[in-house]
């Protein structure tokens, strides 16, 4: 069988190679660098009782995730997405990140690290980080002065 070669495939591969080299030149070697510095994008919000974090991490094995809280307010999410192995084919475009990543953020309040809950579902890591008692708001009784 005679295959017709598309001349734009070679051009497209060259453009992709140049894009990758420019990304490496400017230090964007982290596979998640296009979306966030140093890791996956995060949403963080809080209420009076806890901080909540969501990280988009599609296609990961939850066993490959490592979540730690240190110093009461330093959250680190580490993991690894295995590179897909495709036999008998040539990549035309490979944009999905693979490899190890680390995302570290300073939380706006102290949390109780022993009570942190982590759930991974549908490609999203959801963390509930209860605030430390010292970080929770307290109502102060105002006394009448004389």
Foldseek 3Di string as FASTA:
>chain_A
DDDDDDPVLVVLVVVQVVVVVVCVVVPVPQLCSVPPPFDFDWDWDDDLWWIKIKGQAPPFDVVQWDWADPPQFKIKIKGFHADDDDPPDDDSDDNRDGGITMDIDGHPAGFDRVPKDWDADPRMIMIITTGDPVRGDDDDDDDDDD
